[in-house]
Protein backbone atom coordinates (compact mmCIF):
# COMPACT_ATOMS: atom_id res chain seq x y z
CA MET A 1 0.00 0.00 0.00
CA ALA A 2 1.56 3.28 -1.09
CA VAL A 3 1.84 6.01 1.50
CA ALA A 4 1.85 9.67 0.52
CA LYS A 5 5.23 11.29 1.04
CA SER A 6 3.95 14.77 1.75
CA ARG A 7 0.76 16.66 2.29
CA PRO A 8 -0.54 20.20 2.01
CA ALA A 9 0.13 22.27 5.11
CA ALA A 10 -3.57 22.65 5.85
CA PRO A 11 -6.97 22.27 4.25
CA PRO A 12 -8.60 25.34 2.72
CA PRO A 13 -9.85 27.85 5.31
CA ALA A 14 -13.49 27.92 6.33
CA ALA A 15 -15.48 29.83 3.73
CA GLU A 16 -18.74 31.74 3.93
CA VAL A 17 -21.63 29.31 4.10
CA PRO A 18 -23.09 28.96 0.61
CA ALA A 19 -26.84 29.15 0.16
CA PHE A 20 -28.85 26.05 -0.70
CA ASP A 21 -31.00 25.99 -3.80
CA LYS A 22 -34.67 25.04 -3.60
CA GLU A 23 -34.07 21.32 -4.12
CA GLN A 24 -31.38 21.18 -1.43
CA GLU A 25 -33.47 23.10 1.09
CA LEU A 26 -36.50 20.87 0.56
CA LYS A 27 -34.43 17.68 0.79
CA ALA A 28 -32.75 18.87 3.99
CA TYR A 29 -36.12 19.82 5.45
CA ARG A 30 -37.74 16.48 4.66
CA ASP A 31 -34.74 14.41 5.78
CA MET A 32 -34.35 16.23 9.08
CA LEU A 33 -38.09 16.15 9.71
CA LEU A 34 -38.11 12.39 9.11
CA ILE A 35 -35.49 11.94 11.82
CA ARG A 36 -37.26 14.33 14.23
CA ARG A 37 -40.66 12.65 13.85
CA PHE A 38 -39.13 9.17 14.06
CA GLU A 39 -37.37 10.02 17.31
CA GLU A 40 -40.47 11.62 18.79
CA LYS A 41 -42.42 8.47 17.99
CA ALA A 42 -39.65 6.26 19.39
CA GLY A 43 -39.72 8.24 22.63
CA GLN A 44 -43.49 7.84 22.81
CA MET A 45 -43.27 4.08 22.18
CA TYR A 46 -40.53 3.73 24.80
CA GLY A 47 -42.82 5.39 27.33
CA MET A 48 -45.54 2.88 26.43
CA GLY A 49 -43.20 -0.02 27.10
CA LEU A 50 -43.02 -1.09 23.45
CA ILE A 51 -39.27 -0.42 23.27
CA GLY A 52 -36.97 -1.91 25.89
CA GLY A 53 -33.33 -1.50 26.85
CA PHE A 54 -31.49 1.71 26.09
CA CYS A 55 -32.78 4.35 23.71
CA HIS A 56 -30.75 7.46 22.85
CA LEU A 57 -32.62 10.08 20.83
CA TYR A 58 -31.09 12.39 18.22
CA ILE A 59 -33.58 15.25 18.53
CA GLY A 60 -31.78 18.57 17.94
CA GLN A 61 -28.75 17.13 16.14
CA GLU A 62 -30.42 16.35 12.80
CA ALA A 63 -28.46 18.87 10.72
CA VAL A 64 -25.16 17.08 11.37
CA VAL A 65 -25.93 13.74 9.79
CA VAL A 66 -28.20 15.15 7.05
CA GLY A 67 -25.60 17.72 5.98
CA MET A 68 -22.76 15.20 6.00
CA GLN A 69 -24.77 12.61 4.09
CA MET A 70 -25.21 15.16 1.28
CA THR A 71 -21.44 15.04 0.69
CA LEU A 72 -21.14 11.28 0.10
CA LYS A 73 -21.24 8.97 -2.90
CA PRO A 74 -21.88 5.22 -3.27
CA GLY A 75 -19.16 3.17 -1.61
CA ASP A 76 -18.53 5.65 1.19
CA LYS A 77 -19.02 4.26 4.67
CA VAL A 78 -20.69 5.56 7.83
CA ILE A 79 -20.20 4.35 11.39
CA THR A 80 -21.32 5.84 14.69
CA GLY A 81 -22.02 5.26 18.37
CA TYR A 82 -25.28 4.43 20.10
CA ARG A 83 -27.20 7.65 19.29
CA ASP A 84 -27.68 6.18 15.86
CA HIS A 85 -31.27 6.22 14.61
CA GLY A 86 -30.72 9.50 12.74
CA HIS A 87 -27.67 8.13 10.97
CA MET A 88 -29.59 5.05 9.87
CA LEU A 89 -32.43 7.07 8.40
CA ALA A 90 -30.05 9.54 6.73
CA THR A 91 -28.26 6.69 4.94
CA GLY A 92 -31.58 5.53 3.53
CA MET A 93 -32.44 2.65 5.83
CA ASP A 94 -36.16 1.81 5.96
CA PRO A 95 -37.95 3.37 8.98
CA LYS A 96 -40.00 0.15 9.27
CA GLY A 97 -36.89 -1.99 9.71
CA VAL A 98 -35.33 0.45 12.16
CA MET A 99 -38.48 0.72 14.27
CA ALA A 100 -39.02 -3.04 14.15
CA GLU A 101 -35.52 -3.53 15.54
CA LEU A 102 -36.30 -1.09 18.35
CA THR A 103 -39.30 -3.20 19.30
CA GLY A 104 -37.34 -6.46 18.99
CA ARG A 105 -39.24 -7.88 16.03
CA ALA A 106 -38.27 -10.45 13.41
CA HIS A 107 -38.04 -8.01 10.51
CA GLY A 108 -35.81 -5.52 12.30
CA TYR A 109 -32.42 -4.83 10.78
CA SER A 110 -30.74 -7.18 13.27
CA LYS A 111 -33.67 -9.61 13.36
CA GLY A 112 -34.82 -8.22 16.69
CA LYS A 113 -31.62 -9.15 18.53
CA GLY A 114 -29.74 -5.88 18.53
CA GLY A 115 -32.16 -3.20 19.59
CA SER A 116 -31.45 0.51 19.50
CA MET A 117 -27.67 0.39 19.58
CA HIS A 118 -26.84 -2.43 17.17
CA MET A 119 -28.13 -2.15 13.63
CA PHE A 120 -26.23 -2.52 10.37
CA SER A 121 -26.89 -2.17 6.66
CA VAL A 122 -23.95 -2.83 4.39
CA ALA A 123 -26.25 -2.13 1.43
CA ASN A 124 -26.67 1.44 2.74
CA GLY A 125 -23.03 1.82 3.75
CA PHE A 126 -23.97 1.90 7.44
CA TYR A 127 -21.62 -0.11 9.65
CA GLY A 128 -23.34 0.29 12.98
CA GLY A 129 -24.35 1.84 15.93
CA HIS A 130 -21.97 0.64 18.63
CA GLY A 131 -22.81 0.47 22.30
CA ILE A 132 -19.28 0.71 23.70
CA VAL A 133 -18.15 4.33 24.03
CA ALA A 134 -15.70 5.17 21.21
CA ALA A 135 -15.52 1.55 19.96
CA GLN A 136 -16.58 2.78 16.53
CA VAL A 137 -13.52 5.01 16.15
CA PRO A 138 -10.93 2.26 15.52
CA LEU A 139 -13.54 0.40 13.47
CA GLY A 140 -14.18 3.47 11.32
CA THR A 141 -10.43 3.87 10.93
CA GLY A 142 -10.32 0.26 9.77
CA LEU A 143 -13.03 0.98 7.20
CA ALA A 144 -10.83 3.78 5.86
CA PHE A 145 -7.88 1.37 5.74
CA ALA A 146 -10.00 -1.04 3.69
CA ASN A 147 -10.85 1.73 1.24
CA ARG A 148 -7.18 2.65 0.83
CA TYR A 149 -6.09 -1.00 0.59
CA ARG A 150 -8.59 -1.64 -2.21
CA GLY A 151 -7.39 1.40 -4.09
CA THR A 152 -10.71 3.27 -4.07
CA ASP A 153 -11.27 6.94 -3.32
CA ASN A 154 -14.11 6.19 -0.91
CA VAL A 155 -14.10 7.72 2.56
CA SER A 156 -15.17 6.67 6.04
CA LEU A 157 -17.31 9.02 8.10
CA THR A 158 -16.61 8.11 11.70
CA TYR A 159 -18.95 9.83 14.15
CA PHE A 160 -18.40 10.11 17.89
CA GLY A 161 -19.32 12.48 20.68
CA ASP A 162 -17.57 14.87 23.04
CA GLY A 163 -17.61 12.21 25.75
CA ALA A 164 -16.07 9.56 23.52
CA ALA A 165 -13.41 12.06 22.45
CA ASN A 166 -11.63 11.50 25.78
CA GLN A 167 -11.18 7.75 25.24
CA GLY A 168 -7.68 6.45 24.61
CA GLN A 169 -8.51 4.35 21.56
CA VAL A 170 -9.49 7.55 19.75
CA TYR A 171 -5.87 8.75 19.84
CA GLU A 172 -4.46 5.38 18.85
CA SER A 173 -6.76 5.63 15.82
CA PHE A 174 -5.65 9.19 15.08
CA ASN A 175 -2.02 8.11 15.08
CA MET A 176 -2.59 5.20 12.71
CA ALA A 177 -4.86 7.22 10.41
CA GLU A 178 -2.30 10.00 9.98
CA LEU A 179 0.67 7.64 9.75
CA TRP A 180 -0.96 5.76 6.85
CA LYS A 181 -2.86 8.75 5.41
CA LEU A 182 -6.20 7.00 5.73
CA PRO A 183 -9.33 8.58 4.18
CA VAL A 184 -11.37 9.08 7.34
CA VAL A 185 -13.40 12.11 8.40
CA TYR A 186 -13.72 12.10 12.19
CA VAL A 187 -17.01 13.86 12.94
CA ILE A 188 -17.16 14.87 16.59
CA GLU A 189 -20.77 15.63 17.53
CA ASN A 190 -20.21 17.97 20.46
CA ASN A 191 -23.63 18.26 22.10
CA ARG A 192 -21.97 19.80 25.20
CA TYR A 193 -22.88 17.28 27.90
CA ALA A 194 -21.67 13.77 26.98
CA MET A 195 -23.54 11.50 29.41
CA GLY A 196 -24.37 14.42 31.70
CA THR A 197 -21.13 16.28 32.44
CA SER A 198 -20.47 19.52 30.56
CA VAL A 199 -17.37 19.68 28.40
CA SER A 200 -15.99 22.50 30.54
CA ARG A 201 -15.85 20.11 33.51
CA SER A 202 -14.63 17.01 31.68
CA SER A 203 -12.21 18.19 29.00
CA ALA A 204 -8.93 20.06 29.38
CA GLN A 205 -9.13 21.07 25.70
CA THR A 206 -12.70 22.01 24.87
CA ASP A 207 -11.96 22.88 21.24
CA PHE A 208 -12.28 19.35 19.89
CA SER A 209 -11.19 20.40 16.41
CA LYS A 210 -7.69 20.68 17.89
CA ARG A 211 -7.64 17.15 19.28
CA GLY A 212 -5.58 15.91 16.33
CA THR A 213 -2.94 18.64 16.50
CA SER A 214 -0.18 16.45 17.94
CA PHE A 215 -0.77 13.98 15.09
CA ASN A 216 -0.77 16.73 12.42
CA ILE A 217 -4.45 16.10 11.71
CA PRO A 218 -6.22 19.33 10.71
CA GLY A 219 -9.58 20.21 12.18
CA GLU A 220 -12.40 22.69 11.93
CA GLN A 221 -15.25 23.80 14.17
CA VAL A 222 -18.62 23.86 12.42
CA ASP A 223 -22.05 25.21 13.29
CA GLY A 224 -23.72 21.83 13.61
CA MET A 225 -27.17 23.42 13.86
CA ASP A 226 -26.95 24.83 10.30
CA VAL A 227 -27.23 22.11 7.66
CA ARG A 228 -25.64 24.41 5.07
CA ALA A 229 -22.54 24.94 7.22
CA VAL A 230 -22.31 21.20 7.82
CA LYS A 231 -22.46 20.39 4.11
CA ALA A 232 -19.93 23.11 3.23
CA ALA A 233 -17.43 21.83 5.78
CA GLY A 234 -18.23 18.24 4.83
CA ASP A 235 -17.58 18.88 1.14
CA LYS A 236 -14.11 20.20 1.92
CA ALA A 237 -13.31 17.42 4.37
CA VAL A 238 -14.46 14.63 2.06
CA LYS A 239 -12.45 16.12 -0.83
CA TRP A 240 -9.41 16.34 1.47
CA CYS A 241 -9.70 12.61 2.09
CA ARG A 242 -10.45 11.66 -1.52
CA ASP A 243 -7.33 13.58 -2.56
CA ARG A 244 -5.30 11.25 -0.30
CA ASN A 245 -4.28 13.89 2.22
CA GLY A 246 -5.14 11.66 5.18
CA PRO A 247 -7.63 12.14 8.02
CA ILE A 248 -9.40 15.30 9.09
CA ILE A 249 -11.54 16.29 12.09
CA LEU A 250 -14.82 18.17 11.99
CA GLU A 251 -16.17 19.30 15.34
CA MET A 252 -19.91 19.80 15.00
CA LEU A 253 -21.19 22.25 17.60
CA THR A 254 -24.65 20.85 18.19
CA TYR A 255 -27.17 20.24 20.96
CA ARG A 256 -29.49 17.45 22.06
CA TYR A 257 -32.87 18.51 23.43
CA ARG A 258 -33.59 15.29 25.31
CA GLY A 259 -31.59 13.57 28.03
CA HIS A 260 -28.60 11.37 27.29
CA SER A 261 -30.99 8.42 27.11
CA MET A 262 -34.64 7.91 27.93
CA SER A 263 -33.74 7.29 31.57
CA ASP A 264 -31.94 10.65 31.95
CA PRO A 265 -33.98 13.53 33.44
CA ALA A 266 -31.19 15.97 32.35
CA LYS A 267 -31.20 17.96 35.58
CA TYR A 268 -27.65 19.17 34.89
CA ARG A 269 -28.94 21.98 32.66
CA SER A 270 -31.77 24.49 32.85
CA LYS A 271 -35.03 24.43 30.93
CA GLU A 272 -34.26 27.99 29.86
CA GLU A 273 -31.04 26.85 28.19
CA VAL A 274 -32.82 24.16 26.17
CA ASP A 275 -35.67 26.51 25.23
CA LYS A 276 -33.20 29.16 24.04
CA VAL A 277 -31.53 26.71 21.64
CA ARG A 278 -34.91 25.44 20.42
CA THR A 279 -36.15 28.98 19.82
CA GLU A 280 -33.05 30.53 18.28
CA HIS A 281 -31.06 27.71 16.67
CA ASP A 282 -33.33 24.78 15.85
CA PRO A 283 -31.91 23.16 12.67
CA ILE A 284 -35.29 22.35 11.14
CA GLU A 285 -36.88 25.71 11.91
CA GLN A 286 -33.92 27.45 10.24
CA VAL A 287 -34.61 25.61 6.99
CA ARG A 288 -38.35 26.13 7.31
CA SER A 289 -37.85 29.85 7.75
CA ARG A 290 -35.60 30.08 4.69
CA LEU A 291 -38.04 28.09 2.55
CA LEU A 292 -40.84 30.51 3.39
CA LYS A 293 -38.71 33.65 3.17
CA ARG A 294 -37.27 32.78 -0.26
CA GLY A 295 -40.59 31.65 -1.66
CA PHE A 296 -39.42 28.07 -2.16
CA ALA A 297 -42.48 26.69 -0.37
CA SER A 298 -45.75 27.84 1.14
CA GLU A 299 -47.07 27.10 4.62
CA ASP A 300 -49.50 24.63 3.09
CA ALA A 301 -46.73 22.86 1.18
CA LEU A 302 -44.65 22.49 4.35
CA LYS A 303 -47.68 21.20 6.27
CA LYS A 304 -48.17 18.64 3.52
CA ILE A 305 -44.53 17.47 3.84
CA ASP A 306 -44.97 17.13 7.60
CA ALA A 307 -48.17 15.14 7.09
CA GLU A 308 -46.42 12.82 4.62
CA VAL A 309 -43.51 12.29 7.02
CA ARG A 310 -45.86 11.60 9.92
CA ALA A 311 -47.68 9.03 7.78
CA VAL A 312 -44.40 7.24 7.05
CA ILE A 313 -43.51 7.17 10.75
CA ASN A 314 -46.97 6.03 11.83
CA GLU A 315 -46.79 3.23 9.27
CA ALA A 316 -43.38 2.22 10.64
CA ALA A 317 -44.71 2.22 14.21
CA GLU A 318 -47.71 0.15 13.18
CA PHE A 319 -45.47 -2.34 11.40
CA ALA A 320 -43.09 -2.56 14.37
CA THR A 321 -45.94 -3.11 16.80
CA ASN A 322 -47.59 -5.89 14.83
CA ASP A 323 -44.56 -7.66 13.32
CA ALA A 324 -43.87 -11.15 14.65
CA GLU A 325 -41.36 -11.67 17.42
CA PRO A 326 -38.28 -13.72 16.51
CA ASP A 327 -38.79 -17.49 16.60
CA PRO A 328 -37.14 -18.99 19.73
CA ALA A 329 -35.16 -21.24 17.37
CA GLU A 330 -33.38 -18.09 16.20
CA LEU A 331 -31.81 -17.60 19.63
CA TYR A 332 -28.48 -19.17 18.66
CA ALA A 333 -28.46 -18.17 14.97
CA ASP A 334 -25.68 -15.76 13.99
CA VAL A 335 -24.05 -16.16 17.39
CA TYR A 336 -20.38 -17.10 17.29
CA LYS A 337 -18.21 -18.78 19.86
């Protein structure tokens, strides 16, 4: 495997966020709304006892995965941690299959055995949700190695959070990725609180875009609540990797509205703080406002999109509630020893 002898000193500087055209705005709106409505329904079903185990919702962070997905092409790979439903839907996985896995049914993506944190779809380039904090980072680095080894220009998007950023295996991965110039974009979704401790109390370096400095990995902070800013930064980062410059870090400054998981009352922050983000920086409302302001869509048209999305989610919930449970004979299938 050939290794690049040199690299540019740094990626291009952050540019002014380019405007989306009508098609891009509408796609971003629909895709983010699909994730939002799915997660709202999942939270409701969890409260009804239809979903067991852990359940980590992505509400508030939708712009990150939707914007990044707009930068990819077939053959690129996506891997993330356990807050993963949004990533699945953004890669094109069927809401029915995702919801059925949440309810432990036979036609879920992992045949009802994996639940919220363990779904895969190689056909969609999605290599998991992973329940162990930061476990996906060396795996995502390995996916990038596979791309390089096979001689393709495909990239690996490896997502992890501000909490996972403090795990040792992250830095082992950084070292290997830079040493071998692997095409991996490390997307750090900084939603400020990890499992419940603010970054200011848990991290000596709170600018996560600088976490690769000692490995010569460039990084950039991005407004993760603006889908346009995410795509703009993602386009540059993905090109950087396709051009065989090695890894790059994007720190997405984002925010989750719900607790860390469904069992977290989130008492470590004020209601006023959450309401302020919802009111002033909500990723979906930003797109909605632009669509109306620029005359790309009317109120009625946006209501119709919401109704269509809700119908898709309700159909998925109905399917997941009525699908058969796995046959007991399946208990030992696909289990290795």
